[in-house]
Amino acid sequence: MSESLSSLKNIRTLRAHARNMSVDVLEEMLQKLDMVVAERRDELKASEAEEREKAEKLAMYRELLQEDGISVEELLSGMQSTSVGKTKRAPRPAKYKYTDENGEVKHWTGQGRTPSPIKTAIENGQLLDDFLL
């Protein structure tokens, strides 16, 4: 909590500050504080009303499900099976073939960092097309 808000909560600090202010200024501050408190109460009432309405709707839906002989678990399991999740894409096929430093034949899809044997060969004048499958 900030220092200014802490001082507003402390009655002694309020009295000390109030000694230096006129009554008109104090009354204006009181009116503004009353307005802020009223707005905050209205917000709380509105959120409570929304929560009550949501609870009533849930109770109504639960009752409708029970009347139709459907359990909540059945409803949820039906929804989970129809949800579309992320599918893993198939790996890309290799486009290039090269021999590494150990003499092993390897393949490269053409994506990502260029393997060092291919990079070295390109720097020495070969073309990337020379490594096509």
N, C-alpha and C. Protein backbone atom coordinates (compact mmCIF):
# COMPACT_ATOMS: atom_id res chain seq x y z
N MET A 1 0.86 -1.17 0.00
CA MET A 1 0.00 0.00 0.00
C MET A 1 0.90 1.23 0.00
N SER A 2 0.55 2.24 -0.76
CA SER A 2 1.39 3.43 -0.84
C SER A 2 1.34 4.22 0.47
N GLU A 3 2.32 5.10 0.62
CA GLU A 3 2.42 5.88 1.86
C GLU A 3 1.22 6.81 2.01
N SER A 4 0.76 7.39 0.89
CA SER A 4 -0.38 8.31 0.98
C SER A 4 -1.66 7.58 1.41
N LEU A 5 -1.85 6.35 0.91
CA LEU A 5 -3.03 5.59 1.32
C LEU A 5 -2.92 5.15 2.77
N SER A 6 -1.71 4.83 3.21
CA SER A 6 -1.52 4.46 4.61
C SER A 6 -1.86 5.62 5.53
N SER A 7 -1.49 6.83 5.11
CA SER A 7 -1.79 7.99 5.94
C SER A 7 -3.28 8.29 5.99
N LEU A 8 -4.01 7.92 4.93
CA LEU A 8 -5.46 8.13 4.95
C LEU A 8 -6.14 7.19 5.94
N LYS A 9 -5.55 6.04 6.20
CA LYS A 9 -6.14 5.08 7.14
C LYS A 9 -5.82 5.40 8.59
N ASN A 10 -4.82 6.24 8.83
CA ASN A 10 -4.38 6.54 10.19
C ASN A 10 -5.08 7.80 10.69
N ILE A 11 -5.85 7.70 11.75
CA ILE A 11 -6.64 8.82 12.25
C ILE A 11 -5.76 9.96 12.76
N ARG A 12 -4.65 9.64 13.37
CA ARG A 12 -3.76 10.70 13.87
C ARG A 12 -3.16 11.49 12.72
N THR A 13 -2.76 10.82 11.68
CA THR A 13 -2.20 11.51 10.53
C THR A 13 -3.26 12.36 9.85
N LEU A 14 -4.47 11.83 9.77
CA LEU A 14 -5.56 12.60 9.18
C LEU A 14 -5.83 13.87 9.98
N ARG A 15 -5.84 13.76 11.28
CA ARG A 15 -6.08 14.93 12.12
C ARG A 15 -4.97 15.96 11.95
N ALA A 16 -3.73 15.49 11.85
CA ALA A 16 -2.61 16.41 11.68
C ALA A 16 -2.72 17.15 10.35
N HIS A 17 -3.07 16.46 9.29
CA HIS A 17 -3.24 17.11 7.99
C HIS A 17 -4.46 18.02 7.98
N ALA A 18 -5.52 17.61 8.67
CA ALA A 18 -6.76 18.40 8.68
C ALA A 18 -6.57 19.74 9.38
N ARG A 19 -5.65 19.83 10.32
CA ARG A 19 -5.41 21.10 11.02
C ARG A 19 -4.95 22.19 10.06
N ASN A 20 -4.31 21.79 8.98
CA ASN A 20 -3.78 22.76 8.01
C ASN A 20 -4.75 23.06 6.88
N MET A 21 -5.94 22.46 6.90
CA MET A 21 -6.91 22.65 5.82
C MET A 21 -8.15 23.34 6.36
N SER A 22 -8.83 24.02 5.42
CA SER A 22 -10.09 24.66 5.81
C SER A 22 -11.20 23.61 5.83
N VAL A 23 -12.28 23.93 6.48
CA VAL A 23 -13.42 23.02 6.59
C VAL A 23 -14.03 22.79 5.20
N ASP A 24 -14.04 23.84 4.36
CA ASP A 24 -14.60 23.69 3.01
C ASP A 24 -13.83 22.64 2.21
N VAL A 25 -12.51 22.67 2.29
CA VAL A 25 -11.69 21.70 1.57
C VAL A 25 -11.94 20.30 2.13
N LEU A 26 -12.05 20.17 3.43
CA LEU A 26 -12.31 18.87 4.05
C LEU A 26 -13.68 18.33 3.62
N GLU A 27 -14.68 19.20 3.54
CA GLU A 27 -16.01 18.75 3.11
C GLU A 27 -15.99 18.33 1.65
N GLU A 28 -15.25 19.04 0.81
CA GLU A 28 -15.12 18.67 -0.60
C GLU A 28 -14.45 17.30 -0.73
N MET A 29 -13.42 17.07 0.07
CA MET A 29 -12.73 15.78 0.07
C MET A 29 -13.67 14.67 0.53
N LEU A 30 -14.50 14.97 1.54
CA LEU A 30 -15.46 14.00 2.05
C LEU A 30 -16.47 13.62 0.98
N GLN A 31 -16.98 14.63 0.24
CA GLN A 31 -17.94 14.36 -0.83
C GLN A 31 -17.32 13.46 -1.90
N LYS A 32 -16.07 13.75 -2.26
CA LYS A 32 -15.41 12.94 -3.29
C LYS A 32 -15.17 11.52 -2.80
N LEU A 33 -14.78 11.39 -1.53
CA LEU A 33 -14.57 10.06 -0.97
C LEU A 33 -15.89 9.29 -0.90
N ASP A 34 -16.98 9.97 -0.53
CA ASP A 34 -18.29 9.33 -0.52
C ASP A 34 -18.67 8.85 -1.92
N MET A 35 -18.36 9.66 -2.93
CA MET A 35 -18.67 9.29 -4.30
C MET A 35 -17.87 8.05 -4.71
N VAL A 36 -16.60 7.99 -4.35
CA VAL A 36 -15.77 6.83 -4.69
C VAL A 36 -16.29 5.58 -3.98
N VAL A 37 -16.66 5.70 -2.72
CA VAL A 37 -17.19 4.57 -1.96
C VAL A 37 -18.50 4.08 -2.59
N ALA A 38 -19.36 5.01 -2.99
CA ALA A 38 -20.64 4.63 -3.60
C ALA A 38 -20.40 3.89 -4.92
N GLU A 39 -19.45 4.38 -5.72
CA GLU A 39 -19.14 3.71 -6.99
C GLU A 39 -18.61 2.30 -6.74
N ARG A 40 -17.76 2.16 -5.77
CA ARG A 40 -17.19 0.85 -5.44
C ARG A 40 -18.28 -0.12 -4.97
N ARG A 41 -19.22 0.38 -4.16
CA ARG A 41 -20.33 -0.46 -3.70
C ARG A 41 -21.19 -0.92 -4.87
N ASP A 42 -21.43 0.02 -5.82
CA ASP A 42 -22.22 -0.33 -7.01
C ASP A 42 -21.52 -1.43 -7.82
N GLU A 43 -20.20 -1.31 -7.96
CA GLU A 43 -19.45 -2.33 -8.68
C GLU A 43 -19.57 -3.68 -7.99
N LEU A 44 -19.46 -3.69 -6.68
CA LEU A 44 -19.58 -4.94 -5.93
C LEU A 44 -20.97 -5.55 -6.08
N LYS A 45 -22.00 -4.70 -6.01
CA LYS A 45 -23.37 -5.21 -6.18
C LYS A 45 -23.55 -5.80 -7.57
N ALA A 46 -23.01 -5.13 -8.59
CA ALA A 46 -23.15 -5.63 -9.96
C ALA A 46 -22.43 -6.97 -10.12
N SER A 47 -21.24 -7.11 -9.57
CA SER A 47 -20.52 -8.38 -9.70
C SER A 47 -21.23 -9.49 -8.93
N GLU A 48 -21.80 -9.16 -7.76
CA GLU A 48 -22.55 -10.16 -7.01
C GLU A 48 -23.80 -10.59 -7.77
N ALA A 49 -24.45 -9.63 -8.43
CA ALA A 49 -25.65 -9.96 -9.22
C ALA A 49 -25.26 -10.88 -10.39
N GLU A 50 -24.14 -10.62 -11.02
CA GLU A 50 -23.69 -11.48 -12.12
C GLU A 50 -23.40 -12.89 -11.62
N GLU A 51 -22.75 -12.99 -10.47
CA GLU A 51 -22.45 -14.30 -9.89
C GLU A 51 -23.73 -15.06 -9.55
N ARG A 52 -24.71 -14.34 -8.98
CA ARG A 52 -26.00 -14.97 -8.64
C ARG A 52 -26.68 -15.47 -9.92
N GLU A 53 -26.67 -14.63 -10.95
CA GLU A 53 -27.32 -15.01 -12.22
C GLU A 53 -26.64 -16.23 -12.82
N LYS A 54 -25.33 -16.26 -12.75
CA LYS A 54 -24.58 -17.40 -13.28
C LYS A 54 -24.92 -18.66 -12.49
N ALA A 55 -24.98 -18.56 -11.16
CA ALA A 55 -25.31 -19.71 -10.33
C ALA A 55 -26.72 -20.21 -10.63
N GLU A 56 -27.67 -19.30 -10.84
CA GLU A 56 -29.04 -19.68 -11.17
C GLU A 56 -29.09 -20.42 -12.51
N LYS A 57 -28.33 -19.92 -13.49
CA LYS A 57 -28.31 -20.58 -14.80
C LYS A 57 -27.70 -21.97 -14.69
N LEU A 58 -26.62 -22.08 -13.93
CA LEU A 58 -26.01 -23.40 -13.75
C LEU A 58 -26.98 -24.37 -13.09
N ALA A 59 -27.70 -23.90 -12.10
CA ALA A 59 -28.68 -24.76 -11.43
C ALA A 59 -29.78 -25.17 -12.40
N MET A 60 -30.22 -24.24 -13.24
CA MET A 60 -31.26 -24.54 -14.21
C MET A 60 -30.76 -25.59 -15.21
N TYR A 61 -29.53 -25.41 -15.71
CA TYR A 61 -28.99 -26.38 -16.67
C TYR A 61 -28.79 -27.75 -16.03
N ARG A 62 -28.34 -27.76 -14.79
CA ARG A 62 -28.15 -29.02 -14.07
C ARG A 62 -29.49 -29.73 -13.94
N GLU A 63 -30.53 -28.97 -13.62
CA GLU A 63 -31.87 -29.55 -13.48
C GLU A 63 -32.38 -30.10 -14.81
N LEU A 64 -32.14 -29.35 -15.90
CA LEU A 64 -32.56 -29.83 -17.22
C LEU A 64 -31.84 -31.12 -17.59
N LEU A 65 -30.55 -31.20 -17.27
CA LEU A 65 -29.80 -32.41 -17.57
C LEU A 65 -30.35 -33.59 -16.77
N GLN A 66 -30.66 -33.37 -15.50
CA GLN A 66 -31.19 -34.44 -14.67
C GLN A 66 -32.54 -34.91 -15.18
N GLU A 67 -33.37 -33.98 -15.65
CA GLU A 67 -34.69 -34.35 -16.19
C GLU A 67 -34.54 -35.23 -17.42
N ASP A 68 -33.48 -34.96 -18.22
CA ASP A 68 -33.26 -35.75 -19.44
C ASP A 68 -32.42 -36.99 -19.19
N GLY A 69 -32.01 -37.19 -17.94
CA GLY A 69 -31.25 -38.39 -17.60
C GLY A 69 -29.79 -38.33 -18.04
N ILE A 70 -29.25 -37.15 -18.13
CA ILE A 70 -27.85 -36.99 -18.54
C ILE A 70 -27.06 -36.50 -17.34
N SER A 71 -25.96 -37.19 -17.06
CA SER A 71 -25.13 -36.74 -15.94
C SER A 71 -24.13 -35.70 -16.45
N VAL A 72 -23.64 -34.92 -15.53
CA VAL A 72 -22.68 -33.87 -15.88
C VAL A 72 -21.41 -34.51 -16.45
N GLU A 73 -21.00 -35.65 -15.92
CA GLU A 73 -19.80 -36.34 -16.40
C GLU A 73 -19.97 -36.78 -17.85
N GLU A 74 -21.17 -37.27 -18.19
CA GLU A 74 -21.44 -37.67 -19.57
C GLU A 74 -21.34 -36.47 -20.51
N LEU A 75 -21.88 -35.35 -20.07
CA LEU A 75 -21.84 -34.14 -20.88
C LEU A 75 -20.40 -33.70 -21.11
N LEU A 76 -19.61 -33.71 -20.04
CA LEU A 76 -18.23 -33.28 -20.16
C LEU A 76 -17.40 -34.24 -21.01
N SER A 77 -17.63 -35.53 -20.86
CA SER A 77 -16.87 -36.49 -21.67
C SER A 77 -17.24 -36.35 -23.13
N GLY A 78 -18.48 -36.04 -23.42
CA GLY A 78 -18.89 -35.82 -24.80
C GLY A 78 -18.25 -34.59 -25.40
N MET A 79 -18.07 -33.58 -24.59
CA MET A 79 -17.45 -32.35 -25.09
C MET A 79 -15.96 -32.53 -25.29
N GLN A 80 -15.31 -33.29 -24.43
CA GLN A 80 -13.87 -33.48 -24.56
C GLN A 80 -13.52 -34.27 -25.79
N SER A 81 -14.34 -35.23 -26.15
CA SER A 81 -14.02 -36.05 -27.31
C SER A 81 -14.19 -35.28 -28.61
N THR A 82 -15.02 -34.25 -28.62
CA THR A 82 -15.23 -33.49 -29.84
C THR A 82 -14.29 -32.30 -29.96
N SER A 83 -13.53 -32.01 -28.90
CA SER A 83 -12.64 -30.86 -28.97
C SER A 83 -11.47 -31.18 -29.89
N VAL A 84 -11.06 -30.17 -30.62
CA VAL A 84 -9.98 -30.34 -31.57
C VAL A 84 -8.69 -29.87 -30.93
N GLY A 85 -7.76 -30.76 -30.78
CA GLY A 85 -6.48 -30.41 -30.22
C GLY A 85 -5.46 -30.17 -31.32
N LYS A 86 -4.29 -29.75 -30.91
CA LYS A 86 -3.24 -29.55 -31.89
C LYS A 86 -2.75 -30.91 -32.37
N THR A 87 -2.64 -31.03 -33.66
CA THR A 87 -2.13 -32.27 -34.22
C THR A 87 -0.69 -32.03 -34.63
N LYS A 88 0.12 -33.02 -34.41
CA LYS A 88 1.53 -32.91 -34.77
C LYS A 88 1.65 -33.15 -36.26
N ARG A 89 2.37 -32.25 -36.90
CA ARG A 89 2.51 -32.41 -38.35
C ARG A 89 3.54 -33.48 -38.64
N ALA A 90 3.44 -34.05 -39.81
CA ALA A 90 4.37 -35.10 -40.21
C ALA A 90 5.74 -34.48 -40.45
N PRO A 91 6.80 -35.23 -40.18
CA PRO A 91 8.13 -34.69 -40.43
C PRO A 91 8.33 -34.44 -41.92
N ARG A 92 9.09 -33.42 -42.20
CA ARG A 92 9.33 -33.08 -43.61
C ARG A 92 10.29 -34.09 -44.23
N PRO A 93 10.08 -34.38 -45.50
CA PRO A 93 10.98 -35.32 -46.17
C PRO A 93 12.32 -34.65 -46.46
N ALA A 94 13.35 -35.46 -46.50
CA ALA A 94 14.69 -34.94 -46.78
C ALA A 94 14.79 -34.53 -48.25
N LYS A 95 15.53 -33.46 -48.51
CA LYS A 95 15.74 -32.99 -49.88
C LYS A 95 17.20 -33.13 -50.32
N TYR A 96 18.08 -33.14 -49.33
CA TYR A 96 19.50 -33.15 -49.65
C TYR A 96 20.20 -34.31 -48.96
N LYS A 97 21.27 -34.79 -49.61
CA LYS A 97 22.06 -35.89 -49.08
C LYS A 97 23.52 -35.44 -49.07
N TYR A 98 24.21 -35.70 -47.95
CA TYR A 98 25.61 -35.31 -47.84
C TYR A 98 26.35 -36.31 -46.97
N THR A 99 27.68 -36.22 -47.03
CA THR A 99 28.53 -37.08 -46.22
C THR A 99 29.22 -36.20 -45.19
N ASP A 100 29.10 -36.58 -43.91
CA ASP A 100 29.70 -35.75 -42.86
C ASP A 100 31.18 -36.06 -42.69
N GLU A 101 31.82 -35.46 -41.69
CA GLU A 101 33.25 -35.59 -41.46
C GLU A 101 33.67 -37.03 -41.14
N ASN A 102 32.74 -37.80 -40.56
CA ASN A 102 33.04 -39.19 -40.19
C ASN A 102 32.77 -40.17 -41.32
N GLY A 103 32.36 -39.66 -42.46
CA GLY A 103 32.09 -40.51 -43.60
C GLY A 103 30.70 -41.10 -43.62
N GLU A 104 29.85 -40.64 -42.72
CA GLU A 104 28.47 -41.15 -42.68
C GLU A 104 27.59 -40.36 -43.63
N VAL A 105 26.70 -41.05 -44.32
CA VAL A 105 25.76 -40.40 -45.22
C VAL A 105 24.58 -39.90 -44.40
N LYS A 106 24.27 -38.62 -44.54
CA LYS A 106 23.17 -38.02 -43.79
C LYS A 106 22.25 -37.29 -44.74
N HIS A 107 21.05 -36.98 -44.24
CA HIS A 107 20.05 -36.27 -45.03
C HIS A 107 19.67 -34.98 -44.33
N TRP A 108 19.26 -33.99 -45.14
CA TRP A 108 18.86 -32.68 -44.62
C TRP A 108 17.60 -32.23 -45.35
N THR A 109 16.66 -31.66 -44.61
CA THR A 109 15.38 -31.26 -45.21
C THR A 109 15.46 -29.95 -45.97
N GLY A 110 16.50 -29.18 -45.70
CA GLY A 110 16.61 -27.87 -46.34
C GLY A 110 16.11 -26.77 -45.43
N GLN A 111 15.69 -27.14 -44.23
CA GLN A 111 15.23 -26.16 -43.27
C GLN A 111 16.19 -26.12 -42.10
N GLY A 112 16.24 -24.98 -41.46
CA GLY A 112 17.14 -24.84 -40.32
C GLY A 112 18.54 -24.49 -40.78
N ARG A 113 19.48 -24.62 -39.87
CA ARG A 113 20.86 -24.28 -40.16
C ARG A 113 21.43 -25.26 -41.19
N THR A 114 22.20 -24.72 -42.11
CA THR A 114 22.84 -25.55 -43.13
C THR A 114 23.93 -26.39 -42.48
N PRO A 115 23.93 -27.69 -42.72
CA PRO A 115 24.99 -28.53 -42.15
C PRO A 115 26.36 -28.05 -42.61
N SER A 116 27.34 -28.17 -41.72
CA SER A 116 28.67 -27.62 -42.03
C SER A 116 29.31 -28.25 -43.26
N PRO A 117 29.17 -29.57 -43.56
CA PRO A 117 29.78 -30.09 -44.80
C PRO A 117 29.19 -29.44 -46.06
N ILE A 118 27.88 -29.19 -46.05
CA ILE A 118 27.26 -28.54 -47.20
C ILE A 118 27.71 -27.10 -47.28
N LYS A 119 27.76 -26.43 -46.15
CA LYS A 119 28.19 -25.03 -46.11
C LYS A 119 29.62 -24.89 -46.63
N THR A 120 30.50 -25.77 -46.21
CA THR A 120 31.89 -25.74 -46.65
C THR A 120 31.98 -25.99 -48.15
N ALA A 121 31.20 -26.94 -48.64
CA ALA A 121 31.22 -27.26 -50.06
C ALA A 121 30.72 -26.08 -50.89
N ILE A 122 29.69 -25.38 -50.41
CA ILE A 122 29.17 -24.21 -51.14
C ILE A 122 30.21 -23.11 -51.16
N GLU A 123 30.93 -22.93 -50.05
CA GLU A 123 31.99 -21.91 -50.00
C GLU A 123 33.13 -22.24 -50.95
N ASN A 124 33.32 -23.53 -51.26
CA ASN A 124 34.38 -23.97 -52.17
C ASN A 124 33.91 -24.03 -53.61
N GLY A 125 32.71 -23.55 -53.91
CA GLY A 125 32.26 -23.44 -55.29
C GLY A 125 31.19 -24.41 -55.72
N GLN A 126 30.82 -25.38 -54.89
CA GLN A 126 29.77 -26.31 -55.28
C GLN A 126 28.42 -25.61 -55.15
N LEU A 127 27.42 -26.18 -55.80
CA LEU A 127 26.05 -25.65 -55.72
C LEU A 127 25.22 -26.51 -54.77
N LEU A 128 24.22 -25.89 -54.20
CA LEU A 128 23.33 -26.63 -53.30
C LEU A 128 22.61 -27.73 -54.06
N ASP A 129 22.34 -27.48 -55.35
CA ASP A 129 21.66 -28.49 -56.18
C ASP A 129 22.49 -29.76 -56.35
N ASP A 130 23.79 -29.67 -56.10
CA ASP A 130 24.64 -30.86 -56.21
C ASP A 130 24.29 -31.89 -55.14
N PHE A 131 23.64 -31.45 -54.06
CA PHE A 131 23.31 -32.34 -52.94
C PHE A 131 21.88 -32.85 -52.98
N LEU A 132 21.10 -32.48 -54.00
CA LEU A 132 19.71 -32.93 -54.10
C LEU A 132 19.62 -34.44 -54.17
N LEU A 133 18.54 -34.98 -53.60
CA LEU A 133 18.30 -36.42 -53.66
C LEU A 133 17.85 -36.83 -55.04
